[in-house]
Structures are given as structure tokens and as C-alpha cells.
């Protein structure tokens, strides 16, 4: 798909908000409908060719009394997700009565597999249905997403002469379109930099910092990539793309597995949706919801490459309380043995937890592989000087330096630490 086609689809979806949602939602709330509906329409289009096969399999499983149906239904759909409702979006467009449309649309949503259900729940999309029904716009929204001027399907649309009228939309192109919508909504709402995504050039810079110095040492093996503040997942996908390109350029065949954790429900939903739209069903299962600081989702994992843009200048007092309070924290990520001290404490002030994310990554490094681990993390300048000797921030810097883990120090608006083993 060329740039003009990509832009046309983004503009068409962007226009749905102004065409249908205006006067029902304030502009800052358009995303509450547009982002989940874009996901739903794409999944609907992907699943359409195997819809009947899934329904047949569902009946067979039910008749046989089999309760664990997920794997079989995924196999029937040919995807990492499925929908067992009797409806597609095309079926719903004929509903003229609002209450019937509401009931059938809710049944359609209930038919999606658990991984899609979680995305819809975190988007809180079902909360929007009463508003759209009351304003009589749900049917119009569905109609817009089914407009024949736009193709969100992985299959091309042909004209009467058998020529391609609208090209197919592969997973990568769909993911790019989704990311562009996220960017536009974030800019439209004047959100803080880094609140939902880190600028692409910064992410690419970070990926280059951890991969380029070891590009000629990449082997044909499996690599694990981790982001403990994964947001919408942009760093993970750019890291995957960069590593894959470098491996190919050096004649290596690598398997890359992505892992992430995110505490914001909407951005978590966006990250999982983006990966699902890109066809990375396995990676979807490795994106976890919750606080990295107080509820680490990967306590026993070690990773080859790690990168993050964690919140900076933000209180982590709630996490501190969940962990037992500053004097009672026992988490082995933050209380270690170092230089003869069996309880070397790396607990910064509760007013700013950014360095805690770095310590979390340092605890997940590999020490017995040829490459070890490489880390890039974005910080503001306070990470360099806050905390007196013996305090948490100072102890963290001392721990890094005395272990000879500090690879580079780079200033790019904020400070980007890269560490190595």
C-alpha cells in the first residue's frame, strides 16, 4: 500500500468522528469510539472468510461438551482470535430498531474471544453503546466503517471487470494506520509528551543505541525484548523491526519475542490491539496489565534487550504503600547485596519513581550469554543528581557505576541511559 492510500484511509476514519460523533461527543472523547471501532472492523474483516467454519466448530464443541474451546476455535478462524456470535457487522447494518440493534451489537461483541474481550473492556467501549443508541448514531457508525470507499480487509476489493479497485491491507499497514490515529488523537487533545507515545525518532534512536553496536554479533537464535512501561507498544514494535532488519542484513534468522507491562488501561488496550492488528497473536499474550513497580509481571524472566520511556517526576507513593512502605520493602529487585552490604537499598523518594524502572531492568539482565543484556531508558536530568550519598538515587547510580554497567550517557531533550553487561 502506498502513502497516498494509507493517508486516504486514515483521513476517512478521522472523518467519521466529524461526520457522526459531532454534537454527541466532545472532540476529546472521539477516540473512545473511533479506536475500538477501528479494531472491531479490522477483526471483523479478517474473520469474515472463516465465519462459517468457526460457527460449525463452535456447534461441534458444544455438542461434544468440550469447555476448553479456545485453541480449536482459533484453528478454525486461522487467527489468534475469533467471534462465535451469529453476526458480522454487515448483518447488523440492516437493523432499523435501536433496541434490536443494541441487543444484536452487544451479542456480537460478546462473541469475540477472551483476548479481544480484554481489549474492549480496557477501552470501556461497552460504556459508549447507551450513548450511541440514545443519540441514534450506532447504526451510522457501523455504516461508515462498512463504506465501500474504504477497505480494512486483508483481501483486495475487485470491480465488476475483475480489476483491483481497493488494495488489500496487510497487518503491518493496518498497524501503521492505527498508530497514526493514536498520534492524531494525542496531538488533538494536547496531551503531555510521552503520555501515550514517545516520538518515533526518539524510539528509533533508542533502538539504534542498543542494537547497532552489536549488529555484527547477532546470531541465529531467539531474543527476548522487554519494555516495563510499554504504553501503546511503540518501542517494542520498533525494536522488533530494527533487530529483524539488522539480522536479515547480516544473514541471520532470528526469533523475536516481545514482553511488556503497562498500568494505564487505555494505552494497554491500544498496545494489545495494535499487536493483534499486526498479526502478532503470541506477543499479545506477553503484554501484561498492572504496575511494574509493585506487581512485576515477569519476576523470573531475563531479557536480551530492554528499552522504556518510564514516567518521570511522577509520584510512586501508591506503589510504595502496596510494597509495604519504604522501611519494609523486601522486593529483591530493590534490596540487593552489594560491596559487603547484605541490604543495599535502592529506594528513591516517593515523589519520583523513574529510577525504579531502571533498577527493575537491571534485575532482569542476562549475565551468562555472549551479548549479555543491553538497556536504553529515557530520563530527565534529575536522575543524574538527586539524592545525597547513601540515599536511594545515589545508591542506584553507585550500583550501576561500580558494576561497570553504564555504556553511554546521551542527551536528547531528556537523558537516555544505555547500560550493558
Foldseek 3Di string as FASTA:
>chain_A
DDPVLLVVQLVLLVVLCVVFVPPLDDLLCSCLASLLVLLLLLVLQLQVVLLVQLLVLVVVCVVVVNDPCQVVSCVSSVANKHFNAPDGLVVLLPDPDLVVSLVSVVNRLVRIDPLSVLLCVLSVNNVCSVSCSVVVRPSVSSCSSVDPVDDSHQCFDADPVRHGPGHGQALVSSLVSSVVNVVVSCVVVVHDAPPQDHDPVVLLVLLCVQDVVCLLVDAQEEFEEEEAACRLNPSVVSNVVVNCVSCVVNVHHYHYAYAYEHARSNSLSNNLSSCSSNRNSVNSVRYYYDHCLQDNPCLPAAGAEYEYADDWQAFPVVSCVSQPHPVRRPPCLAFDDDPNRRGLGQDADRRTCQVSSVSSNVSRWADPDPFIHKYKYWAAPCLPPDDDPSHNSNSSVVVCVVVVFFDDWDDDVGIITMGGD
